[in-house]
PDB file of N, CA and C in Angstrom:
ATOM      1  N   MET A   1      13.716  -2.194  -9.764  1.00  0.00           N
ATOM      2  CA  MET A   1      13.147  -2.737 -10.971  1.00  0.00           C
ATOM      3  C   MET A   1      11.632  -2.781 -10.839  1.00  0.00           C
ATOM      4  N   ALA A   2      10.928  -2.312 -11.835  1.00  0.00           N
ATOM      5  CA  ALA A   2       9.469  -2.328 -11.840  1.00  0.00           C
ATOM      6  C   ALA A   2       8.974  -3.570 -12.576  1.00  0.00           C
ATOM      7  N   TYR A   3       7.952  -4.178 -12.013  1.00  0.00           N
ATOM      8  CA  TYR A   3       7.335  -5.361 -12.601  1.00  0.00           C
ATOM      9  C   TYR A   3       5.961  -4.987 -13.157  1.00  0.00           C
ATOM     10  N   GLU A   4       5.498  -5.737 -14.122  1.00  0.00           N
ATOM     11  CA  GLU A   4       4.173  -5.507 -14.696  1.00  0.00           C
ATOM     12  C   GLU A   4       3.123  -6.224 -13.844  1.00  0.00           C
ATOM     13  N   ILE A   5       2.998  -5.780 -12.590  1.00  0.00           N
ATOM     14  CA  ILE A   5       2.072  -6.432 -11.667  1.00  0.00           C
ATOM     15  C   ILE A   5       0.614  -6.152 -12.020  1.00  0.00           C
ATOM     16  N   ASN A   6       0.384  -5.288 -12.991  1.00  0.00           N
ATOM     17  CA  ASN A   6      -0.977  -5.041 -13.448  1.00  0.00           C
ATOM     18  C   ASN A   6      -1.508  -6.205 -14.288  1.00  0.00           C
ATOM     19  N   LYS A   7      -0.638  -7.105 -14.683  1.00  0.00           N
ATOM     20  CA  LYS A   7      -1.027  -8.257 -15.497  1.00  0.00           C
ATOM     21  C   LYS A   7      -1.087  -9.514 -14.626  1.00  0.00           C
ATOM     22  N   ALA A   8      -2.259 -10.158 -14.618  1.00  0.00           N
ATOM     23  CA  ALA A   8      -2.463 -11.358 -13.793  1.00  0.00           C
ATOM     24  C   ALA A   8      -1.473 -12.455 -14.158  1.00  0.00           C
ATOM     25  N   ARG A   9      -1.170 -12.607 -15.433  1.00  0.00           N
ATOM     26  CA  ARG A   9      -0.249 -13.655 -15.864  1.00  0.00           C
ATOM     27  C   ARG A   9       1.158 -13.411 -15.311  1.00  0.00           C
ATOM     28  N   VAL A  10       1.564 -12.159 -15.235  1.00  0.00           N
ATOM     29  CA  VAL A  10       2.880 -11.829 -14.667  1.00  0.00           C
ATOM     30  C   VAL A  10       2.888 -12.133 -13.172  1.00  0.00           C
ATOM     31  N   ARG A  11       1.824 -11.723 -12.462  1.00  0.00           N
ATOM     32  CA  ARG A  11       1.754 -11.997 -11.018  1.00  0.00           C
ATOM     33  C   ARG A  11       1.785 -13.493 -10.743  1.00  0.00           C
ATOM     34  N   ALA A  12       1.098 -14.273 -11.561  1.00  0.00           N
ATOM     35  CA  ALA A  12       1.064 -15.726 -11.364  1.00  0.00           C
ATOM     36  C   ALA A  12       2.441 -16.355 -11.568  1.00  0.00           C
ATOM     37  N   SER A  13       3.255 -15.777 -12.423  1.00  0.00           N
ATOM     38  CA  SER A  13       4.565 -16.362 -12.718  1.00  0.00           C
ATOM     39  C   SER A  13       5.661 -15.926 -11.738  1.00  0.00           C
ATOM     40  N   LEU A  14       5.365 -14.971 -10.870  1.00  0.00           N
ATOM     41  CA  LEU A  14       6.375 -14.492  -9.931  1.00  0.00           C
ATOM     42  C   LEU A  14       6.640 -15.529  -8.847  1.00  0.00           C
ATOM     43  N   PRO A  15       7.892 -15.706  -8.455  1.00  0.00           N
ATOM     44  CA  PRO A  15       8.189 -16.601  -7.334  1.00  0.00           C
ATOM     45  C   PRO A  15       7.672 -16.000  -6.025  1.00  0.00           C
ATOM     46  N   VAL A  16       7.421 -16.854  -5.059  1.00  0.00           N
ATOM     47  CA  VAL A  16       6.991 -16.409  -3.738  1.00  0.00           C
ATOM     48  C   VAL A  16       8.075 -15.507  -3.146  1.00  0.00           C
ATOM     49  N   ARG A  17       7.632 -14.403  -2.598  1.00  0.00           N
ATOM     50  CA  ARG A  17       8.548 -13.457  -1.953  1.00  0.00           C
ATOM     51  C   ARG A  17       7.772 -12.798  -0.819  1.00  0.00           C
ATOM     52  N   VAL A  18       7.956 -13.292   0.374  1.00  0.00           N
ATOM     53  CA  VAL A  18       7.123 -12.902   1.499  1.00  0.00           C
ATOM     54  C   VAL A  18       7.459 -11.514   2.031  1.00  0.00           C
ATOM     55  N   HIS A  19       8.725 -11.149   2.068  1.00  0.00           N
ATOM     56  CA  HIS A  19       9.083  -9.900   2.738  1.00  0.00           C
ATOM     57  C   HIS A  19       8.970  -8.675   1.830  1.00  0.00           C
ATOM     58  N   GLU A  20       9.749  -8.575   0.829  1.00  0.00           N
ATOM     59  CA  GLU A  20       9.733  -7.395  -0.046  1.00  0.00           C
ATOM     60  C   GLU A  20       8.763  -7.625  -1.204  1.00  0.00           C
ATOM     61  N   PRO A  21       7.774  -6.742  -1.351  1.00  0.00           N
ATOM     62  CA  PRO A  21       6.826  -6.899  -2.465  1.00  0.00           C
ATOM     63  C   PRO A  21       7.495  -6.661  -3.818  1.00  0.00           C
ATOM     64  N   TYR A  22       6.833  -7.110  -4.847  1.00  0.00           N
ATOM     65  CA  TYR A  22       7.201  -6.750  -6.210  1.00  0.00           C
ATOM     66  C   TYR A  22       6.529  -5.407  -6.480  1.00  0.00           C
ATOM     67  N   TRP A  23       7.314  -4.415  -6.850  1.00  0.00           N
ATOM     68  CA  TRP A  23       6.775  -3.073  -7.061  1.00  0.00           C
ATOM     69  C   TRP A  23       6.531  -2.834  -8.541  1.00  0.00           C
ATOM     70  N   GLY A  24       5.382  -2.267  -8.839  1.00  0.00           N
ATOM     71  CA  GLY A  24       5.062  -1.878 -10.205  1.00  0.00           C
ATOM     72  C   GLY A  24       5.686  -0.524 -10.502  1.00  0.00           C
ATOM     73  N   PRO A  25       5.433   0.013 -11.688  1.00  0.00           N
ATOM     74  CA  PRO A  25       5.926   1.353 -12.006  1.00  0.00           C
ATOM     75  C   PRO A  25       5.334   2.366 -11.034  1.00  0.00           C
ATOM     76  N   PRO A  26       6.040   3.437 -10.729  1.00  0.00           N
ATOM     77  CA  PRO A  26       5.515   4.425  -9.790  1.00  0.00           C
ATOM     78  C   PRO A  26       4.160   4.980 -10.252  1.00  0.00           C
ATOM     79  N   ILE A  27       3.281   5.184  -9.289  1.00  0.00           N
ATOM     80  CA  ILE A  27       1.996   5.818  -9.582  1.00  0.00           C
ATOM     81  C   ILE A  27       2.222   7.315  -9.745  1.00  0.00           C
ATOM     82  N   SER A  28       3.028   7.871  -8.875  1.00  0.00           N
ATOM     83  CA  SER A  28       3.475   9.254  -8.961  1.00  0.00           C
ATOM     84  C   SER A  28       4.802   9.327  -8.213  1.00  0.00           C
ATOM     85  N   LYS A  29       5.397  10.490  -8.176  1.00  0.00           N
ATOM     86  CA  LYS A  29       6.725  10.614  -7.564  1.00  0.00           C
ATOM     87  C   LYS A  29       6.699  10.167  -6.093  1.00  0.00           C
ATOM     88  N   GLY A  30       7.508   9.152  -5.790  1.00  0.00           N
ATOM     89  CA  GLY A  30       7.632   8.652  -4.431  1.00  0.00           C
ATOM     90  C   GLY A  30       6.491   7.772  -3.967  1.00  0.00           C
ATOM     91  N   ARG A  31       5.597   7.387  -4.874  1.00  0.00           N
ATOM     92  CA  ARG A  31       4.430   6.601  -4.503  1.00  0.00           C
ATOM     93  C   ARG A  31       4.248   5.426  -5.440  1.00  0.00           C
ATOM     94  N   GLY A  32       3.944   4.268  -4.859  1.00  0.00           N
ATOM     95  CA  GLY A  32       3.812   3.091  -5.700  1.00  0.00           C
ATOM     96  C   GLY A  32       2.873   2.054  -5.131  1.00  0.00           C
ATOM     97  N   LEU A  33       2.618   1.059  -5.951  1.00  0.00           N
ATOM     98  CA  LEU A  33       1.769  -0.066  -5.588  1.00  0.00           C
ATOM     99  C   LEU A  33       2.584  -1.334  -5.746  1.00  0.00           C
ATOM    100  N   GLY A  34       2.521  -2.191  -4.744  1.00  0.00           N
ATOM    101  CA  GLY A  34       3.278  -3.429  -4.775  1.00  0.00           C
ATOM    102  C   GLY A  34       2.397  -4.641  -4.601  1.00  0.00           C
ATOM    103  N   TYR A  35       2.971  -5.783  -4.943  1.00  0.00           N
ATOM    104  CA  TYR A  35       2.288  -7.068  -4.829  1.00  0.00           C
ATOM    105  C   TYR A  35       3.198  -8.013  -4.062  1.00  0.00           C
ATOM    106  N   ARG A  36       2.718  -8.468  -2.915  1.00  0.00           N
ATOM    107  CA  ARG A  36       3.487  -9.408  -2.100  1.00  0.00           C
ATOM    108  C   ARG A  36       2.908 -10.796  -2.333  1.00  0.00           C
ATOM    109  N   LYS A  37       3.706 -11.681  -2.883  1.00  0.00           N
ATOM    110  CA  LYS A  37       3.242 -13.023  -3.200  1.00  0.00           C
ATOM    111  C   LYS A  37       3.666 -13.996  -2.114  1.00  0.00           C
ATOM    112  N   THR A  38       2.698 -14.761  -1.609  1.00  0.00           N
ATOM    113  CA  THR A  38       2.959 -15.786  -0.616  1.00  0.00           C
ATOM    114  C   THR A  38       2.613 -17.148  -1.223  1.00  0.00           C
ATOM    115  N   GLU A  39       2.810 -18.192  -0.452  1.00  0.00           N
ATOM    116  CA  GLU A  39       2.492 -19.541  -0.937  1.00  0.00           C
ATOM    117  C   GLU A  39       1.021 -19.668  -1.320  1.00  0.00           C
ATOM    118  N   ALA A  40       0.141 -19.120  -0.490  1.00  0.00           N
ATOM    119  CA  ALA A  40      -1.295 -19.315  -0.687  1.00  0.00           C
ATOM    120  C   ALA A  40      -1.971 -18.173  -1.442  1.00  0.00           C
ATOM    121  N   ASN A  41      -1.500 -16.966  -1.269  1.00  0.00           N
ATOM    122  CA  ASN A  41      -2.199 -15.800  -1.803  1.00  0.00           C
ATOM    123  C   ASN A  41      -1.221 -14.725  -2.248  1.00  0.00           C
ATOM    124  N   GLY A  42      -1.802 -13.626  -2.672  1.00  0.00           N
ATOM    125  CA  GLY A  42      -1.036 -12.423  -2.954  1.00  0.00           C
ATOM    126  C   GLY A  42      -1.727 -11.254  -2.282  1.00  0.00           C
ATOM    127  N   TYR A  43      -0.964 -10.260  -1.902  1.00  0.00           N
ATOM    128  CA  TYR A  43      -1.500  -9.109  -1.191  1.00  0.00           C
ATOM    129  C   TYR A  43      -1.017  -7.817  -1.844  1.00  0.00           C
ATOM    130  N   TRP A  44      -1.890  -6.837  -1.864  1.00  0.00           N
ATOM    131  CA  TRP A  44      -1.540  -5.519  -2.384  1.00  0.00           C
ATOM    132  C   TRP A  44      -1.054  -4.637  -1.247  1.00  0.00           C
ATOM    133  N   ILE A  45      -0.056  -3.816  -1.537  1.00  0.00           N
ATOM    134  CA  ILE A  45       0.493  -2.894  -0.546  1.00  0.00           C
ATOM    135  C   ILE A  45       0.878  -1.600  -1.248  1.00  0.00           C
ATOM    136  N   ALA A  46       0.585  -0.482  -0.599  1.00  0.00           N
ATOM    137  CA  ALA A  46       0.954   0.831  -1.127  1.00  0.00           C
ATOM    138  C   ALA A  46       2.180   1.331  -0.378  1.00  0.00           C
ATOM    139  N   ARG A  47       2.957   2.164  -1.058  1.00  0.00           N
ATOM    140  CA  ARG A  47       4.174   2.727  -0.464  1.00  0.00           C
ATOM    141  C   ARG A  47       4.266   4.198  -0.847  1.00  0.00           C
ATOM    142  N   ALA A  48       4.604   5.022   0.142  1.00  0.00           N
ATOM    143  CA  ALA A  48       4.782   6.454  -0.104  1.00  0.00           C
ATOM    144  C   ALA A  48       6.042   6.920   0.602  1.00  0.00           C
ATOM    145  N   ALA A  49       6.778   7.780  -0.059  1.00  0.00           N
ATOM    146  CA  ALA A  49       7.973   8.347   0.558  1.00  0.00           C
ATOM    147  C   ALA A  49       7.552   9.105   1.814  1.00  0.00           C
ATOM    148  N   ALA A  50       8.249   8.856   2.908  1.00  0.00           N
ATOM    149  CA  ALA A  50       7.931   9.492   4.190  1.00  0.00           C
ATOM    150  C   ALA A  50       8.759  10.761   4.321  1.00  0.00           C
ATOM    151  N   GLU A  51       8.087  11.878   4.258  1.00  0.00           N
ATOM    152  CA  GLU A  51       8.790  13.161   4.343  1.00  0.00           C
ATOM    153  C   GLU A  51       8.851  13.684   5.770  1.00  0.00           C
ATOM    154  N   ASP A  52       7.947  13.206   6.624  1.00  0.00           N
ATOM    155  CA  ASP A  52       7.817  13.777   7.957  1.00  0.00           C
ATOM    156  C   ASP A  52       8.389  12.909   9.072  1.00  0.00           C
ATOM    157  N   SER A  53       9.066  11.832   8.720  1.00  0.00           N
ATOM    158  CA  SER A  53       9.605  10.955   9.762  1.00  0.00           C
ATOM    159  C   SER A  53      11.007  10.506   9.376  1.00  0.00           C
ATOM    160  N   GLY A  54      11.630   9.762  10.274  1.00  0.00           N
ATOM    161  CA  GLY A  54      12.957   9.248   9.999  1.00  0.00           C
ATOM    162  C   GLY A  54      12.952   8.064   9.050  1.00  0.00           C
ATOM    163  N   ALA A  55      11.776   7.492   8.812  1.00  0.00           N
ATOM    164  CA  ALA A  55      11.673   6.342   7.916  1.00  0.00           C
ATOM    165  C   ALA A  55      11.767   6.796   6.462  1.00  0.00           C
ATOM    166  N   LYS A  56      12.198   5.891   5.627  1.00  0.00           N
ATOM    167  CA  LYS A  56      12.304   6.210   4.205  1.00  0.00           C
ATOM    168  C   LYS A  56      10.941   6.156   3.519  1.00  0.00           C
ATOM    169  N   TYR A  57      10.110   5.181   3.911  1.00  0.00           N
ATOM    170  CA  TYR A  57       8.785   5.009   3.315  1.00  0.00           C
ATOM    171  C   TYR A  57       7.737   4.740   4.382  1.00  0.00           C
ATOM    172  N   ARG A  58       6.502   5.030   4.037  1.00  0.00           N
ATOM    173  CA  ARG A  58       5.333   4.597   4.800  1.00  0.00           C
ATOM    174  C   ARG A  58       4.628   3.556   3.945  1.00  0.00           C
ATOM    175  N   TYR A  59       4.092   2.544   4.602  1.00  0.00           N
ATOM    176  CA  TYR A  59       3.432   1.451   3.892  1.00  0.00           C
ATOM    177  C   TYR A  59       1.996   1.318   4.369  1.00  0.00           C
ATOM    178  N   LYS A  60       1.131   0.877   3.464  1.00  0.00           N
ATOM    179  CA  LYS A  60      -0.273   0.641   3.799  1.00  0.00           C
ATOM    180  C   LYS A  60      -0.708  -0.665   3.166  1.00  0.00           C
ATOM    181  N   PRO A  61      -0.983  -1.706   3.987  1.00  0.00           N
ATOM    182  CA  PRO A  61      -1.531  -2.934   3.408  1.00  0.00           C
ATOM    183  C   PRO A  61      -2.932  -2.647   2.894  1.00  0.00           C
ATOM    184  N   LEU A  62      -3.203  -3.056   1.670  1.00  0.00           N
ATOM    185  CA  LEU A  62      -4.490  -2.746   1.045  1.00  0.00           C
ATOM    186  C   LEU A  62      -5.452  -3.914   1.047  1.00  0.00           C
ATOM    187  N   GLY A  63      -4.947  -5.129   1.021  1.00  0.00           N
ATOM    188  CA  GLY A  63      -5.825  -6.288   1.072  1.00  0.00           C
ATOM    189  C   GLY A  63      -5.377  -7.422   0.178  1.00  0.00           C
ATOM    190  N   LEU A  64      -6.127  -8.488   0.289  1.00  0.00           N
ATOM    191  CA  LEU A  64      -5.875  -9.719  -0.450  1.00  0.00           C
ATOM    192  C   LEU A  64      -6.204  -9.532  -1.924  1.00  0.00           C
ATOM    193  N   ALA A  65      -5.293  -9.932  -2.779  1.00  0.00           N
ATOM    194  CA  ALA A  65      -5.551  -9.889  -4.222  1.00  0.00           C
ATOM    195  C   ALA A  65      -6.589 -10.955  -4.551  1.00  0.00           C
ATOM    196  N   ALA A  66      -7.626 -10.553  -5.244  1.00  0.00           N
ATOM    197  CA  ALA A  66      -8.730 -11.451  -5.596  1.00  0.00           C
ATOM    198  C   ALA A  66      -9.369 -10.920  -6.871  1.00  0.00           C
ATOM    199  N   PRO A  67     -10.195 -11.724  -7.529  1.00  0.00           N
ATOM    200  CA  PRO A  67     -10.843 -11.227  -8.749  1.00  0.00           C
ATOM    201  C   PRO A  67     -11.603  -9.915  -8.532  1.00  0.00           C
ATOM    202  N   GLU A  68     -12.218  -9.764  -7.358  1.00  0.00           N
ATOM    203  CA  GLU A  68     -12.947  -8.521  -7.089  1.00  0.00           C
ATOM    204  C   GLU A  68     -12.046  -7.407  -6.551  1.00  0.00           C
ATOM    205  N   PHE A  69     -10.821  -7.740  -6.190  1.00  0.00           N
ATOM    206  CA  PHE A  69      -9.848  -6.736  -5.741  1.00  0.00           C
ATOM    207  C   PHE A  69      -8.573  -6.937  -6.547  1.00  0.00           C
ATOM    208  N   ASP A  70      -8.665  -6.567  -7.817  1.00  0.00           N
ATOM    209  CA  ASP A  70      -7.561  -6.750  -8.756  1.00  0.00           C
ATOM    210  C   ASP A  70      -6.648  -5.527  -8.747  1.00  0.00           C
ATOM    211  N   TYR A  71      -5.766  -5.450  -9.711  1.00  0.00           N
ATOM    212  CA  TYR A  71      -4.808  -4.350  -9.780  1.00  0.00           C
ATOM    213  C   TYR A  71      -5.515  -2.999  -9.818  1.00  0.00           C
ATOM    214  N   ASP A  72      -6.535  -2.876 -10.654  1.00  0.00           N
ATOM    215  CA  ASP A  72      -7.225  -1.585 -10.786  1.00  0.00           C
ATOM    216  C   ASP A  72      -7.863  -1.157  -9.471  1.00  0.00           C
ATOM    217  N   ALA A  73      -8.505  -2.073  -8.774  1.00  0.00           N
ATOM    218  CA  ALA A  73      -9.126  -1.747  -7.490  1.00  0.00           C
ATOM    219  C   ALA A  73      -8.061  -1.404  -6.447  1.00  0.00           C
ATOM    220  N   ALA A  74      -6.950  -2.128  -6.454  1.00  0.00           N
ATOM    221  CA  ALA A  74      -5.866  -1.840  -5.516  1.00  0.00           C
ATOM    222  C   ALA A  74      -5.252  -0.477  -5.801  1.00  0.00           C
ATOM    223  N   ARG A  75      -5.139  -0.127  -7.067  1.00  0.00           N
ATOM    224  CA  ARG A  75      -4.592   1.186  -7.421  1.00  0.00           C
ATOM    225  C   ARG A  75      -5.512   2.302  -6.929  1.00  0.00           C
ATOM    226  N   VAL A  76      -6.817   2.119  -7.083  1.00  0.00           N
ATOM    227  CA  VAL A  76      -7.779   3.110  -6.579  1.00  0.00           C
ATOM    228  C   VAL A  76      -7.636   3.251  -5.066  1.00  0.00           C
ATOM    229  N   ALA A  77      -7.498   2.120  -4.348  1.00  0.00           N
ATOM    230  CA  ALA A  77      -7.319   2.160  -2.894  1.00  0.00           C
ATOM    231  C   ALA A  77      -6.016   2.860  -2.521  1.00  0.00           C
ATOM    232  N   ALA A  78      -4.956   2.606  -3.263  1.00  0.00           N
ATOM    233  CA  ALA A  78      -3.673   3.264  -2.996  1.00  0.00           C
ATOM    234  C   ALA A  78      -3.787   4.766  -3.231  1.00  0.00           C
ATOM    235  N   GLU A  79      -4.417   5.161  -4.315  1.00  0.00           N
ATOM    236  CA  GLU A  79      -4.570   6.589  -4.610  1.00  0.00           C
ATOM    237  C   GLU A  79      -5.424   7.280  -3.552  1.00  0.00           C
ATOM    238  N   ARG A  80      -6.432   6.571  -3.013  1.00  0.00           N
ATOM    239  CA  ARG A  80      -7.250   7.134  -1.932  1.00  0.00           C
ATOM    240  C   ARG A  80      -6.380   7.371  -0.701  1.00  0.00           C
ATOM    241  N   TRP A  81      -5.505   6.405  -0.393  1.00  0.00           N
ATOM    242  CA  TRP A  81      -4.608   6.563   0.751  1.00  0.00           C
ATOM    243  C   TRP A  81      -3.660   7.739   0.536  1.00  0.00           C
ATOM    244  N   PHE A  82      -3.129   7.883  -0.679  1.00  0.00           N
ATOM    245  CA  PHE A  82      -2.243   9.005  -0.974  1.00  0.00           C
ATOM    246  C   PHE A  82      -2.979  10.339  -0.796  1.00  0.00           C
ATOM    247  N   ARG A  83      -4.227  10.428  -1.283  1.00  0.00           N
ATOM    248  CA  ARG A  83      -5.019  11.666  -1.124  1.00  0.00           C
ATOM    249  C   ARG A  83      -5.264  11.961   0.348  1.00  0.00           C
ATOM    250  N   ASP A  84      -5.580  10.919   1.128  1.00  0.00           N
ATOM    251  CA  ASP A  84      -5.789  11.111   2.563  1.00  0.00           C
ATOM    252  C   ASP A  84      -4.524  11.641   3.229  1.00  0.00           C
ATOM    253  N   MET A  85      -3.373  11.098   2.868  1.00  0.00           N
ATOM    254  CA  MET A  85      -2.111  11.591   3.432  1.00  0.00           C
ATOM    255  C   MET A  85      -1.892  13.049   3.056  1.00  0.00           C
ATOM    256  N   ASP A  86      -2.194  13.404   1.813  1.00  0.00           N
ATOM    257  CA  ASP A  86      -2.024  14.790   1.375  1.00  0.00           C
ATOM    258  C   ASP A  86      -2.918  15.744   2.159  1.00  0.00           C
ATOM    259  N   ARG A  87      -4.079  15.254   2.604  1.00  0.00           N
ATOM    260  CA  ARG A  87      -5.018  16.070   3.369  1.00  0.00           C
ATOM    261  C   ARG A  87      -4.731  16.015   4.862  1.00  0.00           C
ATOM    262  N   GLY A  88      -3.711  15.260   5.265  1.00  0.00           N
ATOM    263  CA  GLY A  88      -3.341  15.186   6.671  1.00  0.00           C
ATOM    264  C   GLY A  88      -4.055  14.111   7.449  1.00  0.00           C
ATOM    265  N   ILE A  89      -4.737  13.237   6.745  1.00  0.00           N
ATOM    266  CA  ILE A  89      -5.413  12.118   7.403  1.00  0.00           C
ATOM    267  C   ILE A  89      -4.434  10.961   7.415  1.00  0.00           C
ATOM    268  N   GLY A  90      -3.927  10.651   8.618  1.00  0.00           N
ATOM    269  CA  GLY A  90      -2.874   9.650   8.717  1.00  0.00           C
ATOM    270  C   GLY A  90      -3.349   8.226   8.628  1.00  0.00           C
ATOM    271  N   GLY A  91      -4.486   7.943   9.228  1.00  0.00           N
ATOM    272  CA  GLY A  91      -4.972   6.576   9.218  1.00  0.00           C
ATOM    273  C   GLY A  91      -4.121   5.625  10.033  1.00  0.00           C
ATOM    274  N   ASP A  92      -3.325   6.173  10.964  1.00  0.00           N
ATOM    275  CA  ASP A  92      -2.447   5.327  11.752  1.00  0.00           C
ATOM    276  C   ASP A  92      -3.161   4.680  12.930  1.00  0.00           C
ATOM    277  N   ALA A  93      -4.279   5.252  13.373  1.00  0.00           N
ATOM    278  CA  ALA A  93      -4.994   4.720  14.526  1.00  0.00           C
ATOM    279  C   ALA A  93      -5.810   3.495  14.127  1.00  0.00           C
ATOM    280  N   GLU A  94      -5.865   2.544  15.022  1.00  0.00           N
ATOM    281  CA  GLU A  94      -6.583   1.296  14.759  1.00  0.00           C
ATOM    282  C   GLU A  94      -7.915   1.234  15.504  1.00  0.00           C
ATOM    283  N   THR A  95      -8.007   1.907  16.653  1.00  0.00           N
ATOM    284  CA  THR A  95      -9.210   1.809  17.473  1.00  0.00           C
ATOM    285  C   THR A  95      -9.760   3.203  17.751  1.00  0.00           C
ATOM    286  N   VAL A  96     -10.991   3.247  18.261  1.00  0.00           N
ATOM    287  CA  VAL A  96     -11.604   4.521  18.632  1.00  0.00           C
ATOM    288  C   VAL A  96     -10.778   5.189  19.721  1.00  0.00           C
ATOM    289  N   GLY A  97     -10.297   4.397  20.679  1.00  0.00           N
ATOM    290  CA  GLY A  97      -9.468   4.947  21.751  1.00  0.00           C
ATOM    291  C   GLY A  97      -8.206   5.609  21.220  1.00  0.00           C
ATOM    292  N   GLU A  98      -7.564   4.977  20.234  1.00  0.00           N
ATOM    293  CA  GLU A  98      -6.360   5.563  19.637  1.00  0.00           C
ATOM    294  C   GLU A  98      -6.696   6.844  18.889  1.00  0.00           C
ATOM    295  N   VAL A  99      -7.834   6.873  18.208  1.00  0.00           N
ATOM    296  CA  VAL A  99      -8.255   8.085  17.509  1.00  0.00           C
ATOM    297  C   VAL A  99      -8.473   9.214  18.513  1.00  0.00           C
ATOM    298  N   CYS A 100      -9.151   8.921  19.623  1.00  0.00           N
ATOM    299  CA  CYS A 100      -9.389   9.936  20.654  1.00  0.00           C
ATOM    300  C   CYS A 100      -8.072  10.452  21.229  1.00  0.00           C
ATOM    301  N   LYS A 101      -7.131   9.536  21.481  1.00  0.00           N
ATOM    302  CA  LYS A 101      -5.828   9.958  22.007  1.00  0.00           C
ATOM    303  C   LYS A 101      -5.101  10.849  21.009  1.00  0.00           C
ATOM    304  N   LEU A 102      -5.121  10.488  19.734  1.00  0.00           N
ATOM    305  CA  LEU A 102      -4.495  11.324  18.716  1.00  0.00           C
ATOM    306  C   LEU A 102      -5.130  12.702  18.662  1.00  0.00           C
ATOM    307  N   TYR A 103      -6.455  12.760  18.806  1.00  0.00           N
ATOM    308  CA  TYR A 103      -7.151  14.037  18.778  1.00  0.00           C
ATOM    309  C   TYR A 103      -6.735  14.903  19.973  1.00  0.00           C
ATOM    310  N   VAL A 104      -6.741  14.317  21.177  1.00  0.00           N
ATOM    311  CA  VAL A 104      -6.369  15.062  22.382  1.00  0.00           C
ATOM    312  C   VAL A 104      -4.913  15.524  22.292  1.00  0.00           C
ATOM    313  N   ASP A 105      -4.020  14.649  21.832  1.00  0.00           N
ATOM    314  CA  ASP A 105      -2.614  15.017  21.675  1.00  0.00           C
ATOM    315  C   ASP A 105      -2.445  16.166  20.700  1.00  0.00           C
ATOM    316  N   ASP A 106      -3.280  16.210  19.665  1.00  0.00           N
ATOM    317  CA  ASP A 106      -3.183  17.262  18.662  1.00  0.00           C
ATOM    318  C   ASP A 106      -3.645  18.601  19.205  1.00  0.00           C
ATOM    319  N   ARG A 107      -4.537  18.587  20.168  1.00  0.00           N
ATOM    320  CA  ARG A 107      -5.066  19.827  20.727  1.00  0.00           C
ATOM    321  C   ARG A 107      -4.156  20.315  21.835  1.00  0.00           C
TER     322      ARG A 107
END
């Protein structure tokens, strides 16, 4: 079920749901933007169908929902992540050391 998470009033009325986000309508095939509501805050998360692994989806936490990081900004961030994935930029590494290891492993 898709929720109208693009509307602040809808997000405010959603019950707290810590584990599974509320997903909006698909951005494109197999790709979406979700809103995870907690007691104190809400968080944006992107989801993409995982074609190259055993997992069903890949997820990317985008950040805390705030007036300066609203639905439109979160959607732009999600679309940037989708474009990076399409170009082969995984973004899975967290540190410089992990990036170097990924580079060496790739060579």
